[in-house]
Amino acid sequence: MLTVREVAALLKVSAATVYALVKRGQLEHLRVLNSIRVPGAAVAPFLSGTRPS
Protein backbone atom coordinates (compact mmCIF):
# COMPACT_ATOMS: atom_id res chain seq x y z
CA MET A 1 0.00 0.00 0.00
CA LEU A 2 1.36 3.37 -1.04
CA THR A 3 0.66 6.84 0.28
CA VAL A 4 -0.50 9.68 -1.96
CA ARG A 5 2.98 11.21 -1.81
CA GLU A 6 4.60 7.92 -2.83
CA VAL A 7 2.21 7.53 -5.78
CA ALA A 8 2.85 11.13 -6.83
CA ALA A 9 6.61 10.52 -6.77
CA LEU A 10 6.28 7.31 -8.81
CA LEU A 11 4.08 8.99 -11.42
CA LYS A 12 6.07 12.24 -11.35
CA VAL A 13 2.95 14.30 -10.69
CA SER A 14 1.74 16.42 -7.78
CA ALA A 15 -0.18 15.05 -4.84
CA ALA A 16 -3.12 17.17 -6.02
CA THR A 17 -3.16 15.20 -9.28
CA VAL A 18 -3.28 11.92 -7.36
CA TYR A 19 -6.15 13.23 -5.23
CA ALA A 20 -7.97 14.24 -8.44
CA LEU A 21 -7.52 10.74 -9.90
CA VAL A 22 -8.93 9.28 -6.68
CA LYS A 23 -11.87 11.68 -6.70
CA ARG A 24 -12.72 10.84 -10.34
CA GLY A 25 -12.54 7.12 -9.56
CA GLN A 26 -9.62 6.55 -11.93
CA LEU A 27 -7.28 5.28 -9.23
CA GLU A 28 -8.22 2.41 -6.95
CA HIS A 29 -7.72 3.33 -3.30
CA LEU A 30 -8.65 2.57 0.28
CA ARG A 31 -9.38 5.03 3.06
CA VAL A 32 -7.62 4.31 6.34
CA LEU A 33 -9.01 6.72 8.91
CA ASN A 34 -8.27 10.11 7.31
CA SER A 35 -5.64 8.95 4.85
CA ILE A 36 -5.72 7.40 1.40
CA ARG A 37 -3.73 4.29 0.54
CA VAL A 38 -3.25 3.02 -3.00
CA PRO A 39 -2.41 -0.61 -3.83
CA GLY A 40 0.78 -0.91 -5.85
CA ALA A 41 -1.07 -2.87 -8.53
CA ALA A 42 -3.38 0.10 -9.09
CA VAL A 43 -0.39 2.28 -10.04
CA ALA A 44 1.08 -0.18 -12.57
CA PRO A 45 -1.26 0.75 -15.47
CA PHE A 46 -0.28 4.41 -15.09
CA LEU A 47 3.41 3.50 -15.20
CA SER A 48 3.01 1.34 -18.30
CA GLY A 49 0.97 4.00 -20.14
CA THR A 50 -2.28 1.99 -20.19
CA ARG A 51 -4.22 4.14 -17.74
CA PRO A 52 -7.88 3.36 -17.24
CA SER A 53 -10.30 6.01 -18.49
PDB file of N, CA and C in Angstrom:
ATOM      1  N   MET A   1       0.846  -1.168   0.000  1.00  0.00           N
ATOM      2  CA  MET A   1       0.000   0.000   0.000  1.00  0.00           C
ATOM      3  C   MET A   1       0.897   1.238   0.000  1.00  0.00           C
ATOM      4  N   LEU A   2       0.567   2.157  -0.885  1.00  0.00           N
ATOM      5  CA  LEU A   2       1.359   3.373  -1.039  1.00  0.00           C
ATOM      6  C   LEU A   2       0.572   4.591  -0.566  1.00  0.00           C
ATOM      7  N   THR A   3       1.295   5.585  -0.094  1.00  0.00           N
ATOM      8  CA  THR A   3       0.659   6.844   0.283  1.00  0.00           C
ATOM      9  C   THR A   3       0.478   7.692  -0.978  1.00  0.00           C
ATOM     10  N   VAL A   4      -0.286   8.758  -0.840  1.00  0.00           N
ATOM     11  CA  VAL A   4      -0.502   9.678  -1.959  1.00  0.00           C
ATOM     12  C   VAL A   4       0.833  10.265  -2.409  1.00  0.00           C
ATOM     13  N   ARG A   5       1.668  10.640  -1.460  1.00  0.00           N
ATOM     14  CA  ARG A   5       2.981  11.211  -1.807  1.00  0.00           C
ATOM     15  C   ARG A   5       3.850  10.213  -2.559  1.00  0.00           C
ATOM     16  N   GLU A   6       3.813   8.952  -2.148  1.00  0.00           N
ATOM     17  CA  GLU A   6       4.596   7.920  -2.834  1.00  0.00           C
ATOM     18  C   GLU A   6       4.097   7.711  -4.260  1.00  0.00           C
ATOM     19  N   VAL A   7       2.790   7.686  -4.432  1.00  0.00           N
ATOM     20  CA  VAL A   7       2.213   7.532  -5.776  1.00  0.00           C
ATOM     21  C   VAL A   7       2.595   8.730  -6.641  1.00  0.00           C
ATOM     22  N   ALA A   8       2.499   9.916  -6.081  1.00  0.00           N
ATOM     23  CA  ALA A   8       2.853  11.127  -6.825  1.00  0.00           C
ATOM     24  C   ALA A   8       4.306  11.071  -7.273  1.00  0.00           C
ATOM     25  N   ALA A   9       5.194  10.615  -6.412  1.00  0.00           N
ATOM     26  CA  ALA A   9       6.611  10.516  -6.769  1.00  0.00           C
ATOM     27  C   ALA A   9       6.826   9.484  -7.873  1.00  0.00           C
ATOM     28  N   LEU A  10       6.150   8.347  -7.787  1.00  0.00           N
ATOM     29  CA  LEU A  10       6.278   7.308  -8.813  1.00  0.00           C
ATOM     30  C   LEU A  10       5.793   7.792 -10.177  1.00  0.00           C
ATOM     31  N   LEU A  11       4.680   8.525 -10.167  1.00  0.00           N
ATOM     32  CA  LEU A  11       4.075   8.986 -11.422  1.00  0.00           C
ATOM     33  C   LEU A  11       4.652  10.320 -11.895  1.00  0.00           C
ATOM     34  N   LYS A  12       5.478  10.928 -11.042  1.00  0.00           N
ATOM     35  CA  LYS A  12       6.070  12.239 -11.349  1.00  0.00           C
ATOM     36  C   LYS A  12       4.988  13.302 -11.593  1.00  0.00           C
ATOM     37  N   VAL A  13       4.019  13.312 -10.671  1.00  0.00           N
ATOM     38  CA  VAL A  13       2.945  14.304 -10.688  1.00  0.00           C
ATOM     39  C   VAL A  13       2.804  14.854  -9.270  1.00  0.00           C
ATOM     40  N   SER A  14       1.969  15.850  -9.112  1.00  0.00           N
ATOM     41  CA  SER A  14       1.744  16.419  -7.785  1.00  0.00           C
ATOM     42  C   SER A  14       0.759  15.552  -6.992  1.00  0.00           C
ATOM     43  N   ALA A  15       0.776  15.752  -5.690  1.00  0.00           N
ATOM     44  CA  ALA A  15      -0.182  15.049  -4.836  1.00  0.00           C
ATOM     45  C   ALA A  15      -1.606  15.452  -5.206  1.00  0.00           C
ATOM     46  N   ALA A  16      -1.791  16.708  -5.621  1.00  0.00           N
ATOM     47  CA  ALA A  16      -3.120  17.172  -6.022  1.00  0.00           C
ATOM     48  C   ALA A  16      -3.637  16.375  -7.214  1.00  0.00           C
ATOM     49  N   THR A  17      -2.757  16.010  -8.127  1.00  0.00           N
ATOM     50  CA  THR A  17      -3.159  15.200  -9.281  1.00  0.00           C
ATOM     51  C   THR A  17      -3.603  13.818  -8.834  1.00  0.00           C
ATOM     52  N   VAL A  18      -2.898  13.246  -7.886  1.00  0.00           N
ATOM     53  CA  VAL A  18      -3.276  11.923  -7.359  1.00  0.00           C
ATOM     54  C   VAL A  18      -4.632  12.007  -6.681  1.00  0.00           C
ATOM     55  N   TYR A  19      -4.843  13.050  -5.880  1.00  0.00           N
ATOM     56  CA  TYR A  19      -6.152  13.230  -5.234  1.00  0.00           C
ATOM     57  C   TYR A  19      -7.257  13.382  -6.286  1.00  0.00           C
ATOM     58  N   ALA A  20      -6.975  14.069  -7.372  1.00  0.00           N
ATOM     59  CA  ALA A  20      -7.967  14.242  -8.443  1.00  0.00           C
ATOM     60  C   ALA A  20      -8.289  12.897  -9.098  1.00  0.00           C
ATOM     61  N   LEU A  21      -7.286  12.070  -9.329  1.00  0.00           N
ATOM     62  CA  LEU A  21      -7.515  10.737  -9.899  1.00  0.00           C
ATOM     63  C   LEU A  21      -8.381   9.895  -8.973  1.00  0.00           C
ATOM     64  N   VAL A  22      -8.129  10.007  -7.674  1.00  0.00           N
ATOM     65  CA  VAL A  22      -8.925   9.277  -6.684  1.00  0.00           C
ATOM     66  C   VAL A  22     -10.365   9.782  -6.718  1.00  0.00           C
ATOM     67  N   LYS A  23     -10.523  11.090  -6.721  1.00  0.00           N
ATOM     68  CA  LYS A  23     -11.865  11.683  -6.697  1.00  0.00           C
ATOM     69  C   LYS A  23     -12.685  11.283  -7.921  1.00  0.00           C
ATOM     70  N   ARG A  24     -12.030  11.214  -9.098  1.00  0.00           N
ATOM     71  CA  ARG A  24     -12.725  10.836 -10.340  1.00  0.00           C
ATOM     72  C   ARG A  24     -12.926   9.325 -10.455  1.00  0.00           C
ATOM     73  N   GLY A  25     -12.377   8.569  -9.522  1.00  0.00           N
ATOM     74  CA  GLY A  25     -12.537   7.118  -9.557  1.00  0.00           C
ATOM     75  C   GLY A  25     -11.600   6.435 -10.533  1.00  0.00           C
ATOM     76  N   GLN A  26     -10.559   7.121 -10.966  1.00  0.00           N
ATOM     77  CA  GLN A  26      -9.621   6.548 -11.933  1.00  0.00           C
ATOM     78  C   GLN A  26      -8.477   5.802 -11.270  1.00  0.00           C
ATOM     79  N   LEU A  27      -8.356   5.932  -9.962  1.00  0.00           N
ATOM     80  CA  LEU A  27      -7.279   5.277  -9.235  1.00  0.00           C
ATOM     81  C   LEU A  27      -7.877   4.544  -8.042  1.00  0.00           C
ATOM     82  N   GLU A  28      -7.716   3.234  -8.043  1.00  0.00           N
ATOM     83  CA  GLU A  28      -8.223   2.413  -6.949  1.00  0.00           C
ATOM     84  C   GLU A  28      -7.533   2.838  -5.651  1.00  0.00           C
ATOM     85  N   HIS A  29      -8.286   2.898  -4.569  1.00  0.00           N
ATOM     86  CA  HIS A  29      -7.720   3.328  -3.297  1.00  0.00           C
ATOM     87  C   HIS A  29      -8.546   2.802  -2.131  1.00  0.00           C
ATOM     88  N   LEU A  30      -7.966   2.906  -0.959  1.00  0.00           N
ATOM     89  CA  LEU A  30      -8.649   2.574   0.284  1.00  0.00           C
ATOM     90  C   LEU A  30      -8.489   3.744   1.235  1.00  0.00           C
ATOM     91  N   ARG A  31      -9.490   3.999   2.025  1.00  0.00           N
ATOM     92  CA  ARG A  31      -9.375   5.028   3.062  1.00  0.00           C
ATOM     93  C   ARG A  31      -9.040   4.328   4.373  1.00  0.00           C
ATOM     94  N   VAL A  32      -8.010   4.809   5.026  1.00  0.00           N
ATOM     95  CA  VAL A  32      -7.616   4.311   6.336  1.00  0.00           C
ATOM     96  C   VAL A  32      -7.670   5.516   7.266  1.00  0.00           C
ATOM     97  N   LEU A  33      -8.714   5.551   8.083  1.00  0.00           N
ATOM     98  CA  LEU A  33      -9.013   6.717   8.905  1.00  0.00           C
ATOM     99  C   LEU A  33      -9.097   7.947   8.006  1.00  0.00           C
ATOM    100  N   ASN A  34      -8.202   8.908   8.135  1.00  0.00           N
ATOM    101  CA  ASN A  34      -8.272  10.114   7.308  1.00  0.00           C
ATOM    102  C   ASN A  34      -7.269  10.110   6.169  1.00  0.00           C
ATOM    103  N   SER A  35      -6.642   8.980   5.909  1.00  0.00           N
ATOM    104  CA  SER A  35      -5.638   8.951   4.852  1.00  0.00           C
ATOM    105  C   SER A  35      -6.066   8.023   3.723  1.00  0.00           C
ATOM    106  N   ILE A  36      -5.440   8.210   2.586  1.00  0.00           N
ATOM    107  CA  ILE A  36      -5.724   7.398   1.405  1.00  0.00           C
ATOM    108  C   ILE A  36      -4.521   6.506   1.148  1.00  0.00           C
ATOM    109  N   ARG A  37      -4.777   5.240   0.886  1.00  0.00           N
ATOM    110  CA  ARG A  37      -3.727   4.294   0.540  1.00  0.00           C
ATOM    111  C   ARG A  37      -4.076   3.685  -0.815  1.00  0.00           C
ATOM    112  N   VAL A  38      -3.057   3.519  -1.639  1.00  0.00           N
ATOM    113  CA  VAL A  38      -3.247   3.016  -3.001  1.00  0.00           C
ATOM    114  C   VAL A  38      -2.475   1.714  -3.153  1.00  0.00           C
ATOM    115  N   PRO A  39      -3.138   0.642  -3.594  1.00  0.00           N
ATOM    116  CA  PRO A  39      -2.412  -0.606  -3.832  1.00  0.00           C
ATOM    117  C   PRO A  39      -1.400  -0.426  -4.960  1.00  0.00           C
ATOM    118  N   GLY A  40      -0.256  -1.031  -4.819  1.00  0.00           N
ATOM    119  CA  GLY A  40       0.780  -0.915  -5.848  1.00  0.00           C
ATOM    120  C   GLY A  40       0.289  -1.356  -7.213  1.00  0.00           C
ATOM    121  N   ALA A  41      -0.552  -2.377  -7.251  1.00  0.00           N
ATOM    122  CA  ALA A  41      -1.070  -2.873  -8.528  1.00  0.00           C
ATOM    123  C   ALA A  41      -1.933  -1.833  -9.238  1.00  0.00           C
ATOM    124  N   ALA A  42      -2.530  -0.925  -8.487  1.00  0.00           N
ATOM    125  CA  ALA A  42      -3.376   0.103  -9.094  1.00  0.00           C
ATOM    126  C   ALA A  42      -2.541   1.164  -9.805  1.00  0.00           C
ATOM    127  N   VAL A  43      -1.274   1.280  -9.429  1.00  0.00           N
ATOM    128  CA  VAL A  43      -0.390   2.282 -10.036  1.00  0.00           C
ATOM    129  C   VAL A  43       0.245   1.751 -11.321  1.00  0.00           C
ATOM    130  N   ALA A  44       0.396   0.441 -11.425  1.00  0.00           N
ATOM    131  CA  ALA A  44       1.082  -0.179 -12.567  1.00  0.00           C
ATOM    132  C   ALA A  44       0.546   0.255 -13.934  1.00  0.00           C
ATOM    133  N   PRO A  45      -0.781   0.318 -14.143  1.00  0.00           N
ATOM    134  CA  PRO A  45      -1.263   0.755 -15.470  1.00  0.00           C
ATOM    135  C   PRO A  45      -0.837   2.172 -15.828  1.00  0.00           C
ATOM    136  N   PHE A  46      -0.708   3.029 -14.845  1.00  0.00           N
ATOM    137  CA  PHE A  46      -0.277   4.410 -15.092  1.00  0.00           C
ATOM    138  C   PHE A  46       1.196   4.433 -15.488  1.00  0.00           C
ATOM    139  N   LEU A  47       1.982   3.561 -14.892  1.00  0.00           N
ATOM    140  CA  LEU A  47       3.412   3.499 -15.198  1.00  0.00           C
ATOM    141  C   LEU A  47       3.673   2.909 -16.583  1.00  0.00           C
ATOM    142  N   SER A  48       2.811   1.994 -16.998  1.00  0.00           N
ATOM    143  CA  SER A  48       3.007   1.344 -18.303  1.00  0.00           C
ATOM    144  C   SER A  48       2.344   2.115 -19.437  1.00  0.00           C
ATOM    145  N   GLY A  49       1.608   3.173 -19.098  1.00  0.00           N
ATOM    146  CA  GLY A  49       0.967   3.997 -20.138  1.00  0.00           C
ATOM    147  C   GLY A  49      -0.389   3.483 -20.552  1.00  0.00           C
ATOM    148  N   THR A  50      -0.953   2.533 -19.851  1.00  0.00           N
ATOM    149  CA  THR A  50      -2.280   1.988 -20.190  1.00  0.00           C
ATOM    150  C   THR A  50      -3.283   2.370 -19.107  1.00  0.00           C
ATOM    151  N   ARG A  51      -3.332   3.679 -18.792  1.00  0.00           N
ATOM    152  CA  ARG A  51      -4.219   4.141 -17.738  1.00  0.00           C
ATOM    153  C   ARG A  51      -5.670   3.849 -18.059  1.00  0.00           C
ATOM    154  N   PRO A  52      -6.431   3.526 -17.027  1.00  0.00           N
ATOM    155  CA  PRO A  52      -7.881   3.364 -17.244  1.00  0.00           C
ATOM    156  C   PRO A  52      -8.530   4.716 -17.483  1.00  0.00           C
ATOM    157  N   SER A  53      -9.628   4.731 -18.213  1.00  0.00           N
ATOM    158  CA  SER A  53     -10.300   6.014 -18.492  1.00  0.00           C
ATOM    159  C   SER A  53     -11.413   6.278 -17.521  1.00  0.00           C
TER     160      SER A  53
END
